[in-house]
Amino acid sequence: MRTKQNENGYALLIVLFLIVFIMALTAVFIRGSLSNAKQEKIVDEQQLSVIAAEMGVEYFSSKYENAFIRNRQEIWDFYYTKFINESKNKSQGEINAIARDNRRLAAKEIANSLKGLVDKPQDNDSFKNLQLEREPYVENDFFINIRGKVSSNKAVPKTLSMKLVFIVPDFLEIPSSNNDNNSGLLSSWREFERDSQIPFIKEPSKSCGKKVDSGDVCKTNSLKDLNKVNGATVYVPQNIDEGNSGNMGKITYSKVYVQGNILGDSNFKKIDHVELYINGGVKLKNVNGQGINNSIVKTQGNFEADHFETSQSEYWIRGNFNYNKSLQFTKSFMAIKGNLVGQGSRGEISGSTIIVKGDLVIPSGAKLNNGSKLCVGDNINLSNLEGDSSNHVYYVSGKSKGKASGSINLHSIDENEFNKNPEVLYSKCTGQKSSQLGDWERPILDVNYD
């Protein structure tokens, strides 16, 4: 009987021990759960605080960026025109110094236009006001800096340091003395205005074969007889009248000098990476397909074609330019001393710049795309043009009529000012590569999580 009672006592102790153990273990789990929940809440609050501060950074940086985009072009155009006027008859070193000075002045005025933009957020905003170190300022002549801190309005506040930098581009990419490319359009334009002749060479003694090898300098009376010209110099001592001969030769990476006119009811087969100098005019059926690309063309007279299509090329035409049926002008530049006259139902200028010293006479529905520019020194009917806000048309007040379709940017130049200094107009389409909106670098935003 006594043994039975001892066994019951041992069982009771084991049960009590298990109860105490389970209770202790439960308390540990409960405490851990409560601690994890509290920690998760703190982490969540911290994350929300960071997100709120980031929202503040985005709000204030967007506010400054929108103001920068809104103000920059008008200020830039003013100082660029000032730079052009001050650079006349100056040496290259003086031009460089004038460009730096006006770039610095433009940066300062843009920075001043950004002052006073910091406003107090609304009561329901989750971030606090931007605390600027100082108002927007210019550093190293053309960097506009904005520095400050943004905090969140959360229980666990978080402060972020932000630095926003706007870069004011250079006024002009100065070309090297032997490099006449797009960066030197301003100097090329001045040469085009000043000189009455195009560059030429003396007539070589060697005659060209059907295939002209690299490095050859030779002469021929017909381009259609040339099956292939690559890396050579070809001279034509007279007019070329190919008649209805189909396609003229394939010429690449070469220079071609034509002493007279190029005529005929025919087409250019392929002109690619070629400098083409014509001491007369051009009248062809078509310049399309593989016609003229990546090339420089200079003519002393008119240039006329039924269908005209080109890409990534420069044209310097001392007469008129006419297209009779269609125009597709892509990523190219054209300067015309006479008139631009177009006919037909399709005319499109895409990512290109055209200067017309005379009249612009084209049918309605002509389209400007992808940041194109037109500078017209005489009569223009704006109602024949279509395009969006990426495109710009510069013209002389009193010499225009109608209104362009779409949202093309129209810039009227005072006629008296133009008569005193025509370059006020033409400089908008030459040497101003960095002033186009697409050439401004995106602002740099740097955020530090303190």
Protein backbone atom coordinates (compact mmCIF):
# COMPACT_ATOMS: atom_id res chain seq x y z
CA MET A 1 0.00 0.00 0.00
CA ARG A 2 2.86 2.34 0.84
CA THR A 3 4.55 1.50 -2.47
CA LYS A 4 1.38 2.50 -4.35
CA GLN A 5 1.28 5.90 -2.62
CA ASN A 6 5.00 6.53 -3.48
CA GLU A 7 4.32 5.82 -7.14
CA ASN A 8 1.39 8.26 -7.09
CA GLY A 9 3.72 10.93 -5.59
CA TYR A 10 6.31 10.44 -8.30
CA ALA A 11 3.62 10.76 -10.99
CA LEU A 12 2.38 14.00 -9.43
CA LEU A 13 5.90 15.47 -9.45
CA ILE A 14 6.37 14.55 -13.11
CA VAL A 15 3.04 16.15 -14.03
CA LEU A 16 3.92 19.33 -12.12
CA PHE A 17 7.33 19.46 -13.79
CA LEU A 18 5.79 19.11 -17.24
CA ILE A 19 3.28 21.87 -16.49
CA VAL A 20 6.02 24.22 -15.32
CA PHE A 21 8.19 23.35 -18.36
CA ILE A 22 5.37 23.92 -20.83
CA MET A 23 4.44 27.22 -19.20
CA ALA A 24 8.05 28.42 -19.33
CA LEU A 25 8.42 27.36 -22.93
CA THR A 26 5.15 29.08 -23.85
CA ALA A 27 6.30 32.27 -22.14
CA VAL A 28 9.52 32.20 -24.13
CA PHE A 29 7.62 31.77 -27.40
CA ILE A 30 5.14 34.50 -26.52
CA ARG A 31 7.95 36.85 -25.58
CA GLY A 32 9.77 36.07 -28.82
CA SER A 33 6.63 36.59 -30.86
CA LEU A 34 5.95 39.91 -29.18
CA SER A 35 9.55 40.96 -29.73
CA ASN A 36 9.43 39.96 -33.42
CA ALA A 37 6.15 41.81 -33.90
CA LYS A 38 7.62 44.91 -32.29
CA GLN A 39 10.77 44.63 -34.40
CA GLU A 40 8.74 44.18 -37.58
CA LYS A 41 6.70 47.24 -36.68
CA ILE A 42 9.88 49.29 -36.21
CA VAL A 43 11.26 48.03 -39.52
CA ASP A 44 7.99 48.82 -41.29
CA GLU A 45 7.97 52.31 -39.81
CA GLN A 46 11.56 52.85 -40.88
CA GLN A 47 10.80 51.67 -44.41
CA LEU A 48 7.75 53.91 -44.61
CA SER A 49 9.84 56.78 -43.33
CA VAL A 50 12.48 56.19 -46.03
CA ILE A 51 9.79 55.94 -48.71
CA ALA A 52 8.23 59.19 -47.50
CA ALA A 53 11.59 60.97 -47.61
CA GLU A 54 12.22 59.57 -51.11
CA MET A 55 8.85 60.95 -52.18
CA GLY A 56 10.01 64.34 -50.96
CA VAL A 57 13.26 64.09 -52.93
CA GLU A 58 11.32 63.18 -56.07
CA TYR A 59 8.84 66.02 -55.50
CA PHE A 60 11.47 68.73 -55.10
CA SER A 61 13.81 67.44 -57.83
CA SER A 62 10.87 67.32 -60.28
CA LYS A 63 9.91 70.85 -59.29
CA TYR A 64 13.39 72.14 -60.09
CA GLU A 65 13.73 70.09 -63.27
CA ASN A 66 10.42 71.38 -64.66
CA ALA A 67 11.44 74.98 -63.94
CA PHE A 68 14.84 74.35 -65.53
CA ILE A 69 13.27 73.00 -68.73
CA ARG A 70 10.77 75.86 -68.78
CA ASN A 71 13.40 78.62 -68.48
CA ARG A 72 16.57 77.37 -70.10
CA GLN A 73 15.91 77.78 -73.84
CA GLU A 74 14.92 81.45 -73.83
CA ILE A 75 17.95 82.33 -71.68
CA TRP A 76 20.21 80.17 -73.82
CA ASP A 77 18.99 81.73 -77.10
CA PHE A 78 19.60 85.24 -75.74
CA TYR A 79 23.20 84.55 -74.76
CA TYR A 80 23.89 82.50 -77.87
CA THR A 81 22.79 85.40 -80.09
CA LYS A 82 24.97 87.68 -77.97
CA PHE A 83 27.88 85.27 -78.47
CA ILE A 84 27.35 85.22 -82.26
CA ASN A 85 27.31 89.02 -82.48
CA GLU A 86 30.40 89.41 -80.30
CA SER A 87 32.35 86.75 -82.24
CA LYS A 88 32.33 88.49 -85.59
CA ASN A 89 35.79 89.13 -87.05
CA LYS A 90 37.46 87.57 -83.99
CA SER A 91 40.26 85.03 -83.82
CA GLN A 92 39.52 81.46 -82.74
CA GLY A 93 41.06 82.10 -79.32
CA GLU A 94 38.89 85.18 -78.82
CA ILE A 95 35.80 83.24 -79.94
CA ASN A 96 36.55 80.51 -77.39
CA ALA A 97 36.84 83.12 -74.61
CA ILE A 98 33.61 84.84 -75.67
CA ALA A 99 31.84 81.46 -75.71
CA ARG A 100 33.02 80.68 -72.16
CA ASP A 101 31.96 84.10 -70.85
CA ASN A 102 28.47 83.88 -72.30
CA ARG A 103 28.09 80.28 -71.19
CA ARG A 104 28.94 81.39 -67.67
CA LEU A 105 26.41 84.26 -67.84
CA ALA A 106 23.71 81.92 -69.16
CA ALA A 107 24.37 79.47 -66.31
CA LYS A 108 24.11 82.25 -63.71
CA GLU A 109 20.83 83.52 -65.11
CA ILE A 110 19.35 80.02 -65.27
CA ALA A 111 20.45 79.46 -61.65
CA ASN A 112 18.79 82.74 -60.62
CA SER A 113 15.56 81.64 -62.32
CA LEU A 114 15.51 78.57 -60.04
CA LYS A 115 15.70 80.53 -56.79
CA GLY A 116 12.73 80.72 -54.45
CA LEU A 117 11.13 77.51 -55.67
CA VAL A 118 11.17 75.69 -52.31
CA ASP A 119 7.62 75.76 -50.97
CA LYS A 120 6.04 74.27 -47.88
CA PRO A 121 4.40 70.89 -48.48
CA GLN A 122 0.69 70.39 -47.88
CA ASP A 123 -0.54 69.26 -44.47
CA ASN A 124 -1.24 65.78 -45.77
CA ASP A 125 2.25 65.34 -47.30
CA SER A 126 4.34 62.66 -45.61
CA PHE A 127 7.61 64.61 -46.02
CA LYS A 128 8.96 67.84 -44.65
CA ASN A 129 10.22 70.92 -46.46
CA LEU A 130 13.50 70.80 -48.38
CA GLN A 131 16.17 72.48 -46.28
CA LEU A 132 18.59 74.02 -48.79
CA GLU A 133 22.22 74.55 -47.91
CA ARG A 134 21.94 77.64 -50.12
CA GLU A 135 19.90 78.78 -53.10
CA PRO A 136 20.82 77.26 -56.51
CA TYR A 137 24.32 78.36 -57.44
CA VAL A 138 26.84 77.96 -60.28
CA GLU A 139 30.00 75.95 -59.70
CA ASN A 140 32.93 75.76 -62.13
CA ASP A 141 31.21 78.13 -64.57
CA PHE A 142 28.49 75.81 -65.92
CA PHE A 143 27.34 73.35 -63.20
CA ILE A 144 24.16 74.52 -61.45
CA ASN A 145 24.04 72.90 -58.01
CA ILE A 146 21.13 72.40 -55.64
CA ARG A 147 21.90 70.79 -52.27
CA GLY A 148 19.66 70.12 -49.30
CA LYS A 149 17.95 67.69 -46.95
CA VAL A 150 14.45 66.21 -46.97
CA SER A 151 12.92 64.55 -43.88
CA SER A 152 9.84 62.43 -43.39
CA ASN A 153 6.93 63.20 -41.08
CA LYS A 154 6.79 59.69 -39.61
CA ALA A 155 7.13 58.47 -36.02
CA VAL A 156 10.64 57.29 -36.87
CA PRO A 157 11.85 60.23 -39.01
CA LYS A 158 14.38 59.68 -41.79
CA THR A 159 16.48 62.40 -43.43
CA LEU A 160 17.91 62.13 -46.93
CA SER A 161 20.56 64.41 -48.41
CA MET A 162 19.98 65.27 -52.07
CA LYS A 163 22.25 66.89 -54.66
CA LEU A 164 20.81 67.94 -58.01
CA VAL A 165 23.16 69.12 -60.79
CA PHE A 166 22.16 70.75 -64.09
CA ILE A 167 24.83 71.01 -66.80
CA VAL A 168 24.77 73.97 -69.17
CA PRO A 169 26.26 72.77 -72.50
CA ASP A 170 29.01 74.47 -74.43
CA PHE A 171 28.01 77.08 -76.98
CA LEU A 172 29.98 75.67 -79.84
CA GLU A 173 31.99 72.58 -80.65
CA ILE A 174 35.03 74.23 -82.22
CA PRO A 175 36.01 72.36 -85.41
CA SER A 176 39.62 71.55 -86.17
CA SER A 177 41.18 73.44 -89.09
CA ASN A 178 40.94 70.44 -91.43
CA ASN A 179 37.62 69.01 -90.33
CA ASP A 180 34.50 70.38 -91.97
CA ASN A 181 31.79 68.35 -90.25
CA ASN A 182 28.51 69.05 -88.48
CA SER A 183 30.22 70.56 -85.45
CA GLY A 184 31.59 73.27 -87.77
CA LEU A 185 28.34 74.29 -89.45
CA LEU A 186 28.69 77.88 -88.28
CA SER A 187 32.12 78.35 -89.86
CA SER A 188 30.97 76.41 -92.96
CA TRP A 189 27.95 78.69 -93.26
CA ARG A 190 30.11 81.79 -93.06
CA GLU A 191 32.37 80.38 -95.76
CA PHE A 192 29.30 79.56 -97.88
CA GLU A 193 28.08 83.15 -97.46
CA ARG A 194 31.47 84.71 -98.18
CA ASP A 195 32.88 82.66 -101.07
CA SER A 196 31.33 82.62 -104.55
CA GLN A 197 33.13 79.48 -105.73
CA ILE A 198 33.26 75.89 -104.55
CA PRO A 199 36.58 74.05 -104.03
CA PHE A 200 38.05 72.36 -107.09
CA ILE A 201 41.17 70.53 -108.30
CA LYS A 202 43.21 70.65 -111.47
CA GLU A 203 42.25 68.25 -114.23
CA PRO A 204 44.26 65.00 -113.87
CA SER A 205 45.91 63.41 -116.92
CA LYS A 206 44.93 59.81 -116.16
CA SER A 207 41.63 58.45 -117.49
CA CYS A 208 39.39 56.28 -115.31
CA GLY A 209 38.63 52.68 -116.10
CA LYS A 210 35.33 51.02 -115.31
CA LYS A 211 36.71 50.09 -111.91
CA VAL A 212 38.60 52.82 -110.07
CA ASP A 213 40.96 51.56 -107.39
CA SER A 214 41.62 53.12 -104.01
CA GLY A 215 43.99 56.07 -104.19
CA ASP A 216 43.47 56.68 -107.92
CA VAL A 217 43.09 60.24 -109.25
CA CYS A 218 41.53 60.14 -112.70
CA LYS A 219 39.09 61.77 -115.13
CA THR A 220 36.01 60.54 -116.98
CA ASN A 221 33.28 62.00 -119.21
CA SER A 222 30.46 59.90 -117.78
CA LEU A 223 29.58 58.55 -114.34
CA LYS A 224 27.42 55.76 -115.77
CA ASP A 225 30.54 54.08 -117.18
CA LEU A 226 31.95 53.64 -113.66
CA ASN A 227 30.90 50.30 -112.20
CA LYS A 228 32.65 50.89 -108.91
CA VAL A 229 34.65 53.72 -107.36
CA ASN A 230 36.01 53.31 -103.84
CA GLY A 231 38.51 55.56 -102.06
CA ALA A 232 39.44 57.54 -105.20
CA THR A 233 39.26 61.04 -106.69
CA VAL A 234 37.30 61.41 -109.94
CA TYR A 235 37.24 64.52 -112.15
CA VAL A 236 34.63 65.22 -114.86
CA PRO A 237 35.80 68.07 -117.16
CA GLN A 238 32.44 68.83 -118.79
CA ASN A 239 28.67 68.56 -118.50
CA ILE A 240 27.24 65.11 -117.90
CA ASP A 241 24.04 64.31 -119.77
CA GLU A 242 23.26 60.66 -119.10
CA GLY A 243 19.87 60.73 -120.83
CA ASN A 244 17.59 57.84 -119.91
CA SER A 245 20.45 55.59 -118.86
CA GLY A 246 18.98 54.12 -115.71
CA ASN A 247 21.42 54.27 -112.82
CA MET A 248 24.74 56.04 -112.65
CA GLY A 249 27.77 54.39 -111.05
CA LYS A 250 28.37 53.18 -107.51
CA ILE A 251 30.73 55.56 -105.71
CA THR A 252 31.84 55.19 -102.08
CA TYR A 253 34.45 56.87 -99.85
CA SER A 254 35.61 59.13 -102.67
CA LYS A 255 35.72 62.69 -104.00
CA VAL A 256 34.04 63.66 -107.25
CA TYR A 257 34.53 66.98 -109.07
CA VAL A 258 32.16 67.84 -111.96
CA GLN A 259 33.13 70.91 -114.00
CA GLY A 260 29.64 71.36 -115.50
CA ASN A 261 26.07 70.15 -114.94
CA ILE A 262 24.72 66.69 -114.17
CA LEU A 263 21.63 66.14 -116.30
CA GLY A 264 19.47 63.27 -117.46
CA ASP A 265 16.34 61.23 -116.90
CA SER A 266 18.35 58.89 -114.69
CA ASN A 267 19.18 58.10 -111.07
CA PHE A 268 22.16 58.00 -108.77
CA LYS A 269 22.78 54.31 -108.08
CA LYS A 270 24.73 54.75 -104.87
CA ILE A 271 26.62 57.73 -103.49
CA ASP A 272 27.86 56.86 -99.99
CA HIS A 273 30.56 58.67 -97.95
CA VAL A 274 31.35 60.90 -100.92
CA GLU A 275 32.29 64.57 -101.32
CA LEU A 276 30.55 65.71 -104.51
CA TYR A 277 31.52 69.14 -105.94
CA ILE A 278 29.51 70.35 -108.95
CA ASN A 279 30.51 73.56 -110.71
CA GLY A 280 27.04 73.71 -112.24
CA GLY A 281 23.65 72.29 -111.36
CA VAL A 282 21.90 68.93 -111.02
CA LYS A 283 18.69 67.83 -112.74
CA LEU A 284 17.84 64.14 -112.36
CA LYS A 285 14.81 61.90 -112.26
CA ASN A 286 15.32 60.43 -108.81
CA VAL A 287 17.67 60.63 -105.88
CA ASN A 288 16.24 57.89 -103.70
CA GLY A 289 16.77 54.42 -102.27
CA GLN A 290 20.55 54.11 -101.95
CA GLY A 291 20.96 57.46 -103.74
CA ILE A 292 22.98 59.90 -101.60
CA ASN A 293 23.83 59.04 -98.00
CA ASN A 294 26.55 60.03 -95.51
CA SER A 295 27.90 62.54 -98.03
CA ILE A 296 28.64 66.23 -98.66
CA VAL A 297 27.24 67.82 -101.83
CA LYS A 298 28.11 71.33 -103.03
CA THR A 299 26.62 72.82 -106.20
CA GLN A 300 27.18 76.14 -107.93
CA GLY A 301 23.72 76.02 -109.51
CA ASN A 302 20.28 74.52 -108.95
CA PHE A 303 19.49 71.01 -107.68
CA GLU A 304 16.32 69.39 -109.02
CA ALA A 305 14.85 65.88 -108.82
CA ASP A 306 11.40 64.33 -109.07
CA HIS A 307 11.84 62.15 -106.00
CA PHE A 308 14.48 63.21 -103.50
CA GLU A 309 15.47 60.99 -100.59
CA THR A 310 18.64 61.31 -98.53
CA SER A 311 20.07 60.49 -95.12
CA GLN A 312 22.90 61.82 -92.91
CA SER A 313 24.27 64.20 -95.52
CA GLU A 314 25.11 67.88 -96.05
CA TYR A 315 23.99 69.95 -99.03
CA TRP A 316 25.34 73.41 -99.91
CA ILE A 317 23.34 74.71 -102.88
CA ARG A 318 24.07 78.14 -104.36
CA GLY A 319 20.97 78.10 -106.56
CA ASN A 320 17.44 76.79 -105.99
CA PHE A 321 16.40 73.37 -104.71
CA ASN A 322 13.33 71.79 -106.34
CA TYR A 323 11.59 68.49 -105.76
CA ASN A 324 8.71 67.71 -108.12
CA LYS A 325 6.98 64.74 -106.49
CA SER A 326 8.31 63.78 -103.05
CA LEU A 327 10.88 64.71 -100.41
CA GLN A 328 12.31 62.53 -97.62
CA PHE A 329 15.08 64.44 -95.82
CA THR A 330 16.44 62.49 -92.85
CA LYS A 331 19.13 63.46 -90.30
CA SER A 332 20.70 65.87 -92.78
CA PHE A 333 21.57 69.53 -93.30
CA MET A 334 20.87 71.75 -96.29
CA ALA A 335 21.76 75.37 -97.01
CA ILE A 336 20.08 77.00 -100.05
CA LYS A 337 20.99 80.45 -101.34
CA GLY A 338 17.92 80.55 -103.58
CA ASN A 339 14.40 79.17 -103.09
CA LEU A 340 13.14 75.79 -101.95
CA VAL A 341 10.21 74.83 -104.18
CA GLY A 342 8.34 71.57 -103.72
CA GLN A 343 5.45 69.82 -105.41
CA GLY A 344 3.63 66.54 -104.93
CA SER A 345 1.76 65.04 -102.05
CA ARG A 346 4.61 63.91 -99.79
CA GLY A 347 7.23 66.03 -98.10
CA GLU A 348 8.89 65.06 -94.83
CA ILE A 349 11.84 66.57 -92.95
CA SER A 350 12.97 64.35 -90.07
CA GLY A 351 15.69 65.15 -87.56
CA SER A 352 17.16 67.66 -90.00
CA THR A 353 17.99 71.34 -90.49
CA ILE A 354 17.31 73.40 -93.62
CA ILE A 355 18.29 77.03 -94.27
CA VAL A 356 16.55 78.82 -97.15
CA LYS A 357 17.75 82.35 -97.92
CA GLY A 358 14.93 82.83 -100.43
CA ASP A 359 11.31 81.65 -100.44
CA LEU A 360 9.99 78.39 -99.02
CA VAL A 361 7.24 77.26 -101.41
CA ILE A 362 5.95 73.78 -100.63
CA PRO A 363 2.51 72.14 -100.81
CA SER A 364 0.33 71.77 -97.73
CA GLY A 365 0.90 68.79 -95.47
CA ALA A 366 4.70 69.01 -95.36
CA LYS A 367 5.76 67.34 -92.10
CA LEU A 368 8.50 68.24 -89.65
CA ASN A 369 9.53 65.43 -87.29
CA ASN A 370 12.11 64.55 -84.62
CA GLY A 371 13.46 67.96 -83.71
CA SER A 372 13.85 69.48 -87.17
CA LYS A 373 14.67 73.14 -87.83
CA LEU A 374 13.78 75.50 -90.66
CA CYS A 375 15.33 78.96 -91.07
CA VAL A 376 13.73 80.99 -93.89
CA GLY A 377 14.99 84.43 -94.90
CA ASP A 378 12.17 85.37 -97.27
CA ASN A 379 8.53 84.38 -97.82
CA ILE A 380 6.98 81.39 -96.07
CA ASN A 381 3.43 80.04 -95.78
CA LEU A 382 3.33 78.52 -92.30
CA SER A 383 -0.05 76.89 -92.88
CA ASN A 384 1.61 74.33 -95.19
CA LEU A 385 3.67 72.92 -92.31
CA GLU A 386 2.73 70.21 -89.81
CA GLY A 387 4.64 68.96 -86.76
CA ASP A 388 4.92 68.61 -83.00
CA SER A 389 6.68 70.72 -80.35
CA SER A 390 10.09 69.14 -80.98
CA ASN A 391 10.39 71.16 -84.21
CA HIS A 392 11.32 74.82 -84.72
CA VAL A 393 10.70 77.27 -87.56
CA TYR A 394 12.54 80.62 -87.66
CA TYR A 395 11.34 83.31 -90.08
CA VAL A 396 11.31 87.07 -90.63
CA SER A 397 8.32 89.00 -89.33
CA GLY A 398 6.29 90.52 -92.16
CA LYS A 399 7.33 87.78 -94.59
CA SER A 400 5.05 85.00 -93.35
CA LYS A 401 1.42 84.10 -93.64
CA GLY A 402 -0.85 81.44 -92.20
CA LYS A 403 -0.31 79.31 -89.13
CA ALA A 404 1.36 75.92 -88.87
CA SER A 405 -0.65 72.83 -87.89
CA GLY A 406 0.18 71.02 -84.68
CA SER A 407 2.44 72.47 -82.00
CA ILE A 408 5.53 73.51 -84.00
CA ASN A 409 7.59 76.16 -82.20
CA LEU A 410 7.42 79.32 -84.32
CA HIS A 411 10.07 82.03 -83.85
CA SER A 412 9.61 85.39 -85.53
CA ILE A 413 12.72 87.54 -86.07
CA ASP A 414 12.22 91.31 -86.28
CA GLU A 415 12.70 92.45 -89.88
CA ASN A 416 14.80 95.50 -88.97
CA GLU A 417 17.05 93.37 -86.79
CA PHE A 418 17.35 90.78 -89.58
CA ASN A 419 18.25 93.43 -92.16
CA LYS A 420 21.03 94.73 -89.91
CA ASN A 421 22.37 91.28 -89.12
CA PRO A 422 20.95 88.27 -91.06
CA GLU A 423 22.97 85.91 -88.90
CA VAL A 424 20.49 86.59 -86.08
CA LEU A 425 18.20 84.28 -88.04
CA TYR A 426 20.62 81.87 -89.68
CA SER A 427 22.61 81.22 -86.49
CA LYS A 428 19.54 79.41 -85.15
CA CYS A 429 20.26 76.67 -87.68
CA THR A 430 24.07 76.69 -87.67
CA GLY A 431 26.67 76.12 -85.01
CA GLN A 432 24.03 75.84 -82.30
CA LYS A 433 24.10 72.10 -81.88
CA SER A 434 24.11 72.22 -78.08
CA SER A 435 21.18 74.62 -77.89
CA GLN A 436 18.70 72.06 -79.20
CA LEU A 437 16.59 70.63 -76.42
CA GLY A 438 17.68 67.09 -77.16
CA ASP A 439 21.34 68.04 -76.57
CA TRP A 440 20.93 69.17 -72.97
CA GLU A 441 22.21 66.48 -70.64
CA ARG A 442 19.83 65.00 -68.14
CA PRO A 443 20.26 66.41 -64.62
CA ILE A 444 22.31 64.37 -62.17
CA LEU A 445 20.54 63.42 -58.92
CA ASP A 446 22.59 62.02 -56.05
CA VAL A 447 20.85 60.89 -52.82
CA ASN A 448 22.61 59.98 -49.56
CA TYR A 449 20.78 58.02 -46.87
CA ASP A 450 22.08 59.67 -43.68
